[in-house]
Amino acid sequence: MLIAEITAIAFIQAVEHINVSRNIQQLATLHVAVDGYGANDVLPEVNGKWGSWSSWSQISGCSVTCGHGTERFRRLRSCSNPSPKYGGQSCYGYNYDNDYKRCFRKYCEVHGGWSAWDSWKPQGSCSVTCGSGIRKFTRSRSCTNPAPKYGGRSCSGQKTDSTTRSCFSGKQCPVNGRWGKWTALMPKSPCSVTCGTGVQIFYKKRDCNSPKPRYGGNNCRGKAQQKLRRKCSTNIACPEKDSITCRERQCSEFGTCKCSFGFYGDGFTCTGSLGKKFLVLFMENAVDYFSYKDHYSRLYIASRRNCTATLRASSTLPTNMKAKVSRSLQVREGQTKFDVPIKMRTLDFKQEKKGIIVETSEVVSLIAMSYDGYSSDTTLILPVERLGRRYLIGSSAPYNPDSSDYNSQVAFVAAENNTTVSVTFNIDDGHVLKFKNKKYKTGHKMTFNLNQFEDFQISHNRDLTGTIIESSKPIAVFAGNRCNKLKRHGYCSHLVEQLPPTTDFDTTFIVPPSLRRSGGMIRIIALSSTKIKYEIDGVKANKSLQKSRHIDIEVKDKSITVIKSDKPVLVLTFAVRISRRGGGDPYMTMVPGMSQYIHQYYVPIPKGFDANYMTIMISSKAKKYLRLNKKPLSPDSFVSEKSVKVNGVDYLTIVLKVSGGAHEVEATDGTRFGLLIHGQGREDGYGYAGNVVRPGIV
C-alpha cells in the first residue's frame, strides 16, 4: 500500500471518530500531506463533462439464422468536454449507447413434441391368489405438441408405456421375516494414524424388515449388527525428514518412516500444527482511538526454507479488494510477515466472504495478529487438515455490557462449498440474542448455509462461552472478545484464539505462571457432564461441571496449576491485572493438554513488542536435551523455572526471554513438551500456544 493511501485511510478513520459536536477548527487540525502537496495547498477541481454523441454504426448482424431477431447499433461519446482534472469528478454514465432493430430470416423448423400421457389403464387381473401381487397398466401419447412443420423432425421414442402396480388378491399369505441389506460400514473409531496405513474399527447393521414377519411367518435368524476391523489409509504418504511427503515404498505398516520437523509420531502418526494449507479469518477488533494511525491485520509465517506463499480470497470480492488479498509472496527462511486489508475483518451478523486460504510450497507455521494500537492479540492458525465439524466456544464475560466494544464474539468460515453450520447458544445470565426479528436463548439453534470463504460473526454483550457449533463439513472457528478486560485495572484488549475441534480436547493440563503480570485467570469449559480436579501450588480442589458450563480460577502471577478431568475439556488462560501493579492489558491463550505436546516446534514471534517469552512445560529429566535454535538453553535467557508433579512425574515450567523472529525449539531425545508464546508492550500483550491438536495414536 502506498504511503499516500495509508495516510489517507488514517485520516478517514480519525474523522469518523471525531464527535460531531466538535467545531470545524478541530477537523482542521487533522490536515495531512498527500502526493507532495502541503496541507494548505488547494488545487481547483475540474469536473468532467460528456462530449457529443457520434453517429450510429451497426456492430452486429441479425442475431438469428431463422425467424425474427435483432441487429445492434452503437454510438459513442467521450468525457472530454472538459476532461476531469485535479481530483474533479469523472463523467457520470456510460460512454456508449446501444440500439436494436428487428430483422427476419426464413421460417424456423418446428420439431414434433409429445403430448401429455393419457391416464393409466389396467390390463388383465392380479397375478396372485393370496397376498399381494402385481397388475399391468398401459398408457399412450401422440406427436402433436406441436406437430412437426417446415421440415422439422418427428418425435422420437415410444407411443405407449407400461408399468406394473401392486394389487391385493383379497386374502393375506403368511410372510416370513427376512433381513434387509446391511448398512454401509460406519466408523466406530477414527483411523489410528494420520498418514500412511492404519487400522479403523467399523460396524454395520441390518433390520428384519425385508419383509417383517407377519400373519404367522417366521422371524429372521442371525445377528443384526457386526463389528469389523479394516485397514485405513489417510491418502497421505508418511513424512520423511524436512518434508510432509515421502515415497510410498519408504513406508511400511511397521512404521519405518520418520516424521518431518515439527511433527510428532512413529511414521504413520505424524501430527502437529504445521502445514501447507490454512484457512484464515480476522475477527472484528475495537479501535483504539488514541492510536488510530497504527492498525493492521497481519500474518506471520515461520519457514525453515525459502518458499512461496499464495493467498486466495473469494472470486466475488470487489476487484480492488481481491487484488490486495489474492496474491503470491516470497517467504524467506525464518520469519516473514505480510498484511491483510483491515476491511477483511468480519462484521457482526453479516454473511460475508472474508475467509482467506494461505497455501505454501513448504511446511510452515502460521499465526495471525489483529493489532489496533493498544488492542491486539494473536492466534495460531491450524492447517485445514486439522479442522473439524464440532466446536465448543470459549470467550470471556464482557466487562461493560453497555458497550459493544467489550462484546463476546465468535466467527466461523467454511472450507468447502455447501456447508451447513448450526449454532446452539449458551448465553450467560439467561439473556436473549435478537437476529432477523427472532429471539434466541440458551439452547436455541441458529442455522446457516455457507460456501467456501463465506463467514459469519456473532457477538453479544453477555458471555457466549459454552455455545456449541456443528457443521456438515470442516470449518474454522475463532472466538474471544472484541476488546475486554477482566478486572477494573488497566485497559481492554482484543482477545482471540482459533479453536481446535472437540476431538482434540484433552484431560490433563499444566497451566504455567503468568509472569510479568499481576496474575491470571484460568477458564475450564466442559463438553459434557465432567468432574474436575485441580491443584494450585499444592492446594487441591474438586468441581463438577454440566455440559457447556465453565469455572473460572483466579491465580497469582507465580502459581502453577495442574488440571485433571474425567472427560475431555477446553482450557483457556487469560493474563490480567488483578491489582494496579503489573503491566500490559489482557490476552487469551489456549492451554495445550499433555496429549497435545510434541517434541519439536518452529514458531514465529512478532517483532515490535517490549519483551517476548517462551514458556516450556517438560519433564525434569529431559531439560538437558532442550535446544533453542540448535543450541543449549542460555542461562541469560532464563526468567523463571518452577517444578510441579503430575501423575507422579516431576515436570518443570521454564520461562525464557527471546527476541522477535522465527525460533526452533526441540528436545533432542524425543521427549514431548508443551510450548506457550507471549509478548508484552506498553499497555498491550499477545499470546498463543505452539500446538493445540492431539498427536493421535502413537
Foldseek 3Di string as FASTA:
>chain_A
DDPQVLLVVLLVVLVVPDDPVDDPVVNLVSQDDHPPDDSPDADDKDEWDKDDKDDKDWDDDFPDQAAKGKTKIKIFIDRPVPQTDDPHHYDPDDGMDMDIDMDHHHHDWDAWDKDDKDDWDWDDDFPDQAAKGKTKIKIFIDRPPPQTDPPHHTDDDDGMDMDMDMDGNPHHDWDAFDKDDKDPWDWPDDFQAQADKGKTKTKIFIDRPVPQGDPPHHYDDDDGMDMDMDMDHNPAAFDAEQARHDDNVCADRVQNHDHYFQFDDRRGQTDFQWDFKFKDAAAAADADSVQSSDWFKKKKKADQAWKKKFKAFDPPPPPVQRVQGGDMDIAHHWMDMDTHDPVLHDDAFDWDQSMMMMGIPGIIWMKIKTDRPFAIAMETTGHQVQFDFKFFDDEDQAPDLVDLNRWWKKKKFDQAAFKKKKKQFAWPPQDWDDDPNDIHTHRDMDMDTHHHSIMHMHIHNGHRGLIMMGMPDGMKMKTYTSWHADDPAFGTHTEMYTTGHQVFFDFKFKDAAQPLAQWKKKKKFDQAWKKKWKAKPRRIDIDTDGRRDMDMDIGGRHIMMIMGMPDGIWMKMKGHHPDNDGFAGIYIETTAGQLFFWFKFKDFFDADAPWKKKKKKFFPVQLQQKDKQNHRDDPVQWDDWDWDADPNTIIIITMGIDHGMIMMIGRVVGGTMWMKMKGHHGRHMYIYTRTHGGSGND
